Amino acid sequence: MTLVTTESATKVIGLGIKVHRALGPGLFESVYQTCVAHELRKAGMVFEQQRAIPVVYDGMVLDHAFRADLIMERELIVEIKSIEKVTPLHHAQLLTYMKLTGLRKGLMMNFNVSLLKDGIKSIVL
């Protein structure tokens, strides 16, 4: 895995840091997601928030099996967390979303840290 180095990744990280500096750690994921989305809108970024990700199995479609927190510029999935520790299960969740959407770039941002840079993990398939 390599580091995500797209313009949209750089922008979302910068805006995430701005939100984290203002709010600090300890809030719900939904609060950080809403605030980051607000900053992205102000910056004129193209993104989808809480996009449904379907699962297809044996001809059956589960339309709303998962929801991606943010999909940036149709190229990057951003998963926002506010948890004590990121585990392999959280990485598997992001990888699953990437597989189901066909997107090759993912970014996990855990806001429950002192410095947001310590809570950022990127994946490129």
N, C-alpha and C. Protein backbone atom coordinates (compact mmCIF):
# COMPACT_ATOMS: atom_id res chain seq x y z
N MET A 1 0.84 -1.18 0.00
CA MET A 1 0.00 0.00 0.00
C MET A 1 0.89 1.24 0.00
N THR A 2 0.43 2.24 -0.73
CA THR A 2 1.18 3.49 -0.80
C THR A 2 0.31 4.65 -0.32
N LEU A 3 0.90 5.78 -0.18
CA LEU A 3 0.23 6.98 0.31
C LEU A 3 -0.64 7.59 -0.78
N VAL A 4 -1.85 7.99 -0.41
CA VAL A 4 -2.74 8.71 -1.33
C VAL A 4 -2.20 10.12 -1.49
N THR A 5 -1.94 10.53 -2.72
CA THR A 5 -1.35 11.86 -2.95
C THR A 5 -2.14 12.65 -3.98
N THR A 6 -3.45 12.57 -3.93
CA THR A 6 -4.26 13.32 -4.88
C THR A 6 -4.57 14.70 -4.31
N GLU A 7 -4.98 15.59 -5.18
CA GLU A 7 -5.36 16.94 -4.75
C GLU A 7 -6.54 16.88 -3.79
N SER A 8 -7.50 15.99 -4.07
CA SER A 8 -8.67 15.90 -3.19
C SER A 8 -8.28 15.34 -1.82
N ALA A 9 -7.33 14.40 -1.77
CA ALA A 9 -6.87 13.87 -0.48
C ALA A 9 -6.18 14.97 0.32
N THR A 10 -5.33 15.73 -0.33
CA THR A 10 -4.63 16.82 0.34
C THR A 10 -5.63 17.84 0.88
N LYS A 11 -6.65 18.16 0.10
CA LYS A 11 -7.65 19.14 0.51
C LYS A 11 -8.46 18.64 1.70
N VAL A 12 -8.93 17.38 1.63
CA VAL A 12 -9.76 16.85 2.72
C VAL A 12 -8.94 16.72 4.01
N ILE A 13 -7.67 16.38 3.90
CA ILE A 13 -6.81 16.30 5.09
C ILE A 13 -6.65 17.69 5.71
N GLY A 14 -6.37 18.68 4.88
CA GLY A 14 -6.22 20.05 5.38
C GLY A 14 -7.48 20.55 6.06
N LEU A 15 -8.63 20.28 5.46
CA LEU A 15 -9.89 20.73 6.05
C LEU A 15 -10.22 19.92 7.29
N GLY A 16 -9.86 18.64 7.30
CA GLY A 16 -10.05 17.82 8.49
C GLY A 16 -9.23 18.36 9.66
N ILE A 17 -8.00 18.76 9.37
CA ILE A 17 -7.14 19.35 10.40
C ILE A 17 -7.76 20.65 10.93
N LYS A 18 -8.31 21.44 10.02
CA LYS A 18 -8.97 22.69 10.44
C LYS A 18 -10.13 22.40 11.40
N VAL A 19 -10.96 21.42 11.06
CA VAL A 19 -12.09 21.04 11.91
C VAL A 19 -11.58 20.50 13.25
N HIS A 20 -10.56 19.65 13.21
CA HIS A 20 -10.02 19.04 14.43
C HIS A 20 -9.42 20.11 15.36
N ARG A 21 -8.73 21.07 14.79
CA ARG A 21 -8.16 22.15 15.61
C ARG A 21 -9.26 22.95 16.31
N ALA A 22 -10.37 23.13 15.63
CA ALA A 22 -11.47 23.91 16.21
C ALA A 22 -12.26 23.11 17.25
N LEU A 23 -12.47 21.82 17.01
CA LEU A 23 -13.34 21.02 17.88
C LEU A 23 -12.60 20.10 18.83
N GLY A 24 -11.38 19.68 18.46
CA GLY A 24 -10.64 18.74 19.29
C GLY A 24 -11.21 17.33 19.19
N PRO A 25 -10.62 16.39 19.92
CA PRO A 25 -11.09 15.00 19.90
C PRO A 25 -12.29 14.81 20.82
N GLY A 26 -12.96 13.66 20.70
CA GLY A 26 -13.98 13.27 21.66
C GLY A 26 -15.42 13.42 21.24
N LEU A 27 -15.68 13.91 20.04
CA LEU A 27 -17.06 14.06 19.58
C LEU A 27 -17.47 12.86 18.73
N PHE A 28 -18.74 12.78 18.38
CA PHE A 28 -19.23 11.70 17.53
C PHE A 28 -18.70 11.85 16.10
N GLU A 29 -18.58 10.73 15.41
CA GLU A 29 -18.14 10.74 14.01
C GLU A 29 -19.05 11.62 13.16
N SER A 30 -20.34 11.57 13.42
CA SER A 30 -21.29 12.34 12.62
C SER A 30 -21.03 13.85 12.71
N VAL A 31 -20.55 14.31 13.85
CA VAL A 31 -20.24 15.73 14.00
C VAL A 31 -19.05 16.10 13.11
N TYR A 32 -17.99 15.30 13.17
CA TYR A 32 -16.81 15.58 12.34
C TYR A 32 -17.16 15.49 10.86
N GLN A 33 -17.94 14.47 10.49
CA GLN A 33 -18.31 14.30 9.10
C GLN A 33 -19.10 15.50 8.59
N THR A 34 -20.05 15.96 9.37
CA THR A 34 -20.86 17.11 8.97
C THR A 34 -20.01 18.36 8.84
N CYS A 35 -19.09 18.56 9.77
CA CYS A 35 -18.23 19.76 9.73
C CYS A 35 -17.24 19.70 8.57
N VAL A 36 -16.66 18.53 8.32
CA VAL A 36 -15.74 18.39 7.18
C VAL A 36 -16.52 18.62 5.88
N ALA A 37 -17.72 18.05 5.77
CA ALA A 37 -18.54 18.26 4.57
C ALA A 37 -18.85 19.75 4.38
N HIS A 38 -19.14 20.44 5.46
CA HIS A 38 -19.39 21.89 5.39
C HIS A 38 -18.18 22.62 4.83
N GLU A 39 -16.99 22.27 5.33
CA GLU A 39 -15.76 22.90 4.83
C GLU A 39 -15.51 22.56 3.37
N LEU A 40 -15.80 21.32 2.97
CA LEU A 40 -15.62 20.91 1.57
C LEU A 40 -16.55 21.70 0.65
N ARG A 41 -17.79 21.89 1.09
CA ARG A 41 -18.73 22.69 0.31
C ARG A 41 -18.22 24.12 0.14
N LYS A 42 -17.75 24.70 1.25
CA LYS A 42 -17.23 26.07 1.20
C LYS A 42 -16.04 26.15 0.24
N ALA A 43 -15.25 25.08 0.14
CA ALA A 43 -14.07 25.07 -0.73
C ALA A 43 -14.42 24.72 -2.18
N GLY A 44 -15.71 24.44 -2.44
CA GLY A 44 -16.14 24.13 -3.80
C GLY A 44 -15.76 22.74 -4.28
N MET A 45 -15.50 21.84 -3.37
CA MET A 45 -15.12 20.47 -3.73
C MET A 45 -16.35 19.66 -4.14
N VAL A 46 -16.14 18.74 -5.08
CA VAL A 46 -17.19 17.83 -5.52
C VAL A 46 -17.09 16.56 -4.68
N PHE A 47 -18.17 16.22 -3.98
CA PHE A 47 -18.16 15.02 -3.14
C PHE A 47 -19.58 14.55 -2.89
N GLU A 48 -19.68 13.31 -2.45
CA GLU A 48 -20.95 12.74 -2.02
C GLU A 48 -20.80 12.40 -0.55
N GLN A 49 -21.87 12.60 0.20
CA GLN A 49 -21.86 12.30 1.63
C GLN A 49 -22.87 11.20 1.91
N GLN A 50 -22.47 10.21 2.70
CA GLN A 50 -23.34 9.09 3.08
C GLN A 50 -23.93 8.39 1.86
N ARG A 51 -23.09 8.13 0.86
CA ARG A 51 -23.55 7.45 -0.35
C ARG A 51 -23.75 5.96 -0.06
N ALA A 52 -24.89 5.46 -0.47
CA ALA A 52 -25.19 4.04 -0.31
C ALA A 52 -24.27 3.22 -1.19
N ILE A 53 -23.77 2.12 -0.64
CA ILE A 53 -22.93 1.19 -1.39
C ILE A 53 -23.66 -0.15 -1.42
N PRO A 54 -24.12 -0.57 -2.59
CA PRO A 54 -24.86 -1.83 -2.66
C PRO A 54 -23.93 -3.05 -2.65
N VAL A 55 -24.49 -4.17 -2.26
CA VAL A 55 -23.81 -5.46 -2.34
C VAL A 55 -24.65 -6.34 -3.24
N VAL A 56 -24.00 -7.00 -4.20
CA VAL A 56 -24.68 -7.93 -5.09
C VAL A 56 -24.21 -9.33 -4.74
N TYR A 57 -25.19 -10.20 -4.48
CA TYR A 57 -24.87 -11.58 -4.16
C TYR A 57 -25.88 -12.49 -4.85
N ASP A 58 -25.37 -13.38 -5.69
CA ASP A 58 -26.19 -14.41 -6.32
C ASP A 58 -27.44 -13.82 -6.97
N GLY A 59 -27.26 -12.71 -7.68
CA GLY A 59 -28.36 -12.07 -8.38
C GLY A 59 -29.24 -11.19 -7.51
N MET A 60 -28.97 -11.14 -6.23
CA MET A 60 -29.74 -10.33 -5.30
C MET A 60 -28.95 -9.04 -5.02
N VAL A 61 -29.65 -7.92 -5.01
CA VAL A 61 -29.00 -6.63 -4.75
C VAL A 61 -29.48 -6.09 -3.41
N LEU A 62 -28.52 -5.86 -2.52
CA LEU A 62 -28.81 -5.19 -1.26
C LEU A 62 -28.41 -3.73 -1.45
N ASP A 63 -29.40 -2.90 -1.78
CA ASP A 63 -29.14 -1.52 -2.20
C ASP A 63 -28.39 -0.67 -1.18
N HIS A 64 -28.72 -0.81 0.08
CA HIS A 64 -28.15 0.06 1.10
C HIS A 64 -27.37 -0.75 2.14
N ALA A 65 -26.54 -1.66 1.68
CA ALA A 65 -25.79 -2.53 2.59
C ALA A 65 -24.80 -1.72 3.43
N PHE A 66 -24.16 -0.75 2.80
CA PHE A 66 -23.17 0.08 3.48
C PHE A 66 -23.37 1.54 3.07
N ARG A 67 -22.75 2.43 3.82
CA ARG A 67 -22.75 3.86 3.47
C ARG A 67 -21.33 4.39 3.60
N ALA A 68 -20.86 5.01 2.54
CA ALA A 68 -19.54 5.66 2.57
C ALA A 68 -19.71 7.04 3.17
N ASP A 69 -18.84 7.39 4.11
CA ASP A 69 -18.93 8.71 4.74
C ASP A 69 -18.81 9.81 3.69
N LEU A 70 -17.71 9.80 2.94
CA LEU A 70 -17.49 10.78 1.88
C LEU A 70 -16.83 10.10 0.69
N ILE A 71 -17.26 10.46 -0.50
CA ILE A 71 -16.57 10.06 -1.72
C ILE A 71 -16.19 11.34 -2.43
N MET A 72 -14.88 11.55 -2.54
CA MET A 72 -14.34 12.79 -3.09
C MET A 72 -14.05 12.67 -4.58
N GLU A 73 -14.59 13.60 -5.34
CA GLU A 73 -14.24 13.74 -6.76
C GLU A 73 -14.34 12.41 -7.52
N ARG A 74 -15.20 11.50 -7.05
CA ARG A 74 -15.40 10.18 -7.67
C ARG A 74 -14.11 9.37 -7.77
N GLU A 75 -13.16 9.61 -6.83
CA GLU A 75 -11.90 8.89 -6.90
C GLU A 75 -11.39 8.42 -5.54
N LEU A 76 -11.92 8.97 -4.46
CA LEU A 76 -11.35 8.73 -3.13
C LEU A 76 -12.46 8.52 -2.11
N ILE A 77 -12.40 7.41 -1.38
CA ILE A 77 -13.33 7.17 -0.29
C ILE A 77 -12.69 7.67 1.00
N VAL A 78 -13.44 8.46 1.76
CA VAL A 78 -12.96 8.96 3.05
C VAL A 78 -13.86 8.37 4.13
N GLU A 79 -13.25 7.63 5.03
CA GLU A 79 -13.96 7.04 6.16
C GLU A 79 -13.56 7.80 7.41
N ILE A 80 -14.54 8.40 8.08
CA ILE A 80 -14.28 9.21 9.26
C ILE A 80 -14.61 8.39 10.51
N LYS A 81 -13.67 8.40 11.43
CA LYS A 81 -13.82 7.67 12.69
C LYS A 81 -13.58 8.62 13.86
N SER A 82 -14.12 8.21 15.01
CA SER A 82 -13.82 8.88 16.28
C SER A 82 -13.78 7.77 17.33
N ILE A 83 -12.68 7.02 17.29
CA ILE A 83 -12.55 5.81 18.10
C ILE A 83 -11.23 5.81 18.85
N GLU A 84 -11.16 5.01 19.90
CA GLU A 84 -9.95 4.96 20.71
C GLU A 84 -8.77 4.41 19.93
N LYS A 85 -9.01 3.37 19.13
CA LYS A 85 -7.92 2.74 18.39
C LYS A 85 -8.44 2.17 17.08
N VAL A 86 -7.74 2.45 15.99
CA VAL A 86 -8.08 1.88 14.69
C VAL A 86 -7.56 0.45 14.68
N THR A 87 -8.43 -0.49 14.33
CA THR A 87 -8.08 -1.91 14.33
C THR A 87 -8.06 -2.44 12.90
N PRO A 88 -7.58 -3.66 12.72
CA PRO A 88 -7.64 -4.27 11.39
C PRO A 88 -9.06 -4.35 10.82
N LEU A 89 -10.05 -4.47 11.69
CA LEU A 89 -11.43 -4.48 11.24
C LEU A 89 -11.82 -3.18 10.55
N HIS A 90 -11.34 -2.06 11.06
CA HIS A 90 -11.62 -0.76 10.45
C HIS A 90 -10.95 -0.65 9.07
N HIS A 91 -9.73 -1.17 8.97
CA HIS A 91 -9.05 -1.19 7.67
C HIS A 91 -9.81 -2.08 6.69
N ALA A 92 -10.29 -3.22 7.17
CA ALA A 92 -11.06 -4.13 6.32
C ALA A 92 -12.34 -3.47 5.83
N GLN A 93 -12.97 -2.66 6.68
CA GLN A 93 -14.17 -1.93 6.28
C GLN A 93 -13.87 -1.01 5.11
N LEU A 94 -12.79 -0.24 5.21
CA LEU A 94 -12.43 0.68 4.13
C LEU A 94 -12.08 -0.09 2.87
N LEU A 95 -11.33 -1.17 3.00
CA LEU A 95 -10.99 -2.00 1.83
C LEU A 95 -12.24 -2.58 1.18
N THR A 96 -13.21 -2.99 1.98
CA THR A 96 -14.47 -3.51 1.44
C THR A 96 -15.20 -2.44 0.65
N TYR A 97 -15.28 -1.24 1.20
CA TYR A 97 -15.93 -0.14 0.49
C TYR A 97 -15.22 0.14 -0.84
N MET A 98 -13.89 0.11 -0.81
CA MET A 98 -13.13 0.34 -2.04
C MET A 98 -13.43 -0.74 -3.07
N LYS A 99 -13.46 -1.97 -2.63
CA LYS A 99 -13.74 -3.09 -3.54
C LYS A 99 -15.13 -2.98 -4.14
N LEU A 100 -16.12 -2.69 -3.30
CA LEU A 100 -17.51 -2.62 -3.77
C LEU A 100 -17.76 -1.44 -4.71
N THR A 101 -17.03 -0.36 -4.55
CA THR A 101 -17.22 0.82 -5.41
C THR A 101 -16.28 0.83 -6.61
N GLY A 102 -15.23 0.01 -6.56
CA GLY A 102 -14.24 0.02 -7.63
C GLY A 102 -13.24 1.16 -7.51
N LEU A 103 -13.29 1.90 -6.41
CA LEU A 103 -12.34 2.99 -6.20
C LEU A 103 -11.05 2.44 -5.62
N ARG A 104 -9.92 2.96 -6.06
CA ARG A 104 -8.62 2.42 -5.66
C ARG A 104 -7.91 3.23 -4.58
N LYS A 105 -8.54 4.34 -4.17
CA LYS A 105 -7.91 5.20 -3.16
C LYS A 105 -8.84 5.37 -1.97
N GLY A 106 -8.26 5.20 -0.77
CA GLY A 106 -9.05 5.35 0.44
C GLY A 106 -8.28 6.10 1.50
N LEU A 107 -9.02 6.80 2.34
CA LEU A 107 -8.42 7.59 3.41
C LEU A 107 -9.27 7.39 4.66
N MET A 108 -8.61 7.01 5.76
CA MET A 108 -9.29 6.90 7.04
C MET A 108 -8.77 8.01 7.94
N MET A 109 -9.71 8.73 8.54
CA MET A 109 -9.35 9.83 9.43
C MET A 109 -9.99 9.58 10.79
N ASN A 110 -9.17 9.30 11.79
CA ASN A 110 -9.66 9.09 13.15
C ASN A 110 -9.47 10.39 13.93
N PHE A 111 -10.59 11.03 14.27
CA PHE A 111 -10.55 12.33 14.94
C PHE A 111 -10.33 12.21 16.44
N ASN A 112 -10.31 11.00 16.98
CA ASN A 112 -10.15 10.84 18.42
C ASN A 112 -8.67 10.70 18.81
N VAL A 113 -7.87 11.65 18.37
CA VAL A 113 -6.44 11.71 18.65
C VAL A 113 -6.08 13.15 18.99
N SER A 114 -4.93 13.33 19.63
CA SER A 114 -4.49 14.69 19.99
C SER A 114 -4.16 15.52 18.76
N LEU A 115 -3.44 14.91 17.81
CA LEU A 115 -3.10 15.55 16.53
C LEU A 115 -3.69 14.72 15.40
N LEU A 116 -4.49 15.33 14.56
CA LEU A 116 -5.16 14.56 13.51
C LEU A 116 -4.19 13.84 12.60
N LYS A 117 -3.01 14.42 12.37
CA LYS A 117 -2.04 13.76 11.49
C LYS A 117 -1.70 12.35 11.98
N ASP A 118 -1.82 12.12 13.29
CA ASP A 118 -1.56 10.80 13.86
C ASP A 118 -2.73 9.83 13.64
N GLY A 119 -3.88 10.34 13.21
CA GLY A 119 -5.06 9.50 13.00
C GLY A 119 -5.39 9.29 11.54
N ILE A 120 -4.46 9.63 10.65
CA ILE A 120 -4.73 9.52 9.21
C ILE A 120 -3.99 8.33 8.62
N LYS A 121 -4.74 7.49 7.92
CA LYS A 121 -4.16 6.34 7.22
C LYS A 121 -4.69 6.37 5.78
N SER A 122 -3.82 6.10 4.83
CA SER A 122 -4.27 6.08 3.44
C SER A 122 -3.96 4.73 2.81
N ILE A 123 -4.76 4.38 1.83
CA ILE A 123 -4.62 3.11 1.13
C ILE A 123 -4.76 3.37 -0.36
N VAL A 124 -3.86 2.81 -1.15
CA VAL A 124 -3.99 2.82 -2.59
C VAL A 124 -3.84 1.39 -3.06
N LEU A 125 -4.83 0.90 -3.80
CA LEU A 125 -4.76 -0.47 -4.32
C LEU A 125 -4.13 -0.52 -5.69
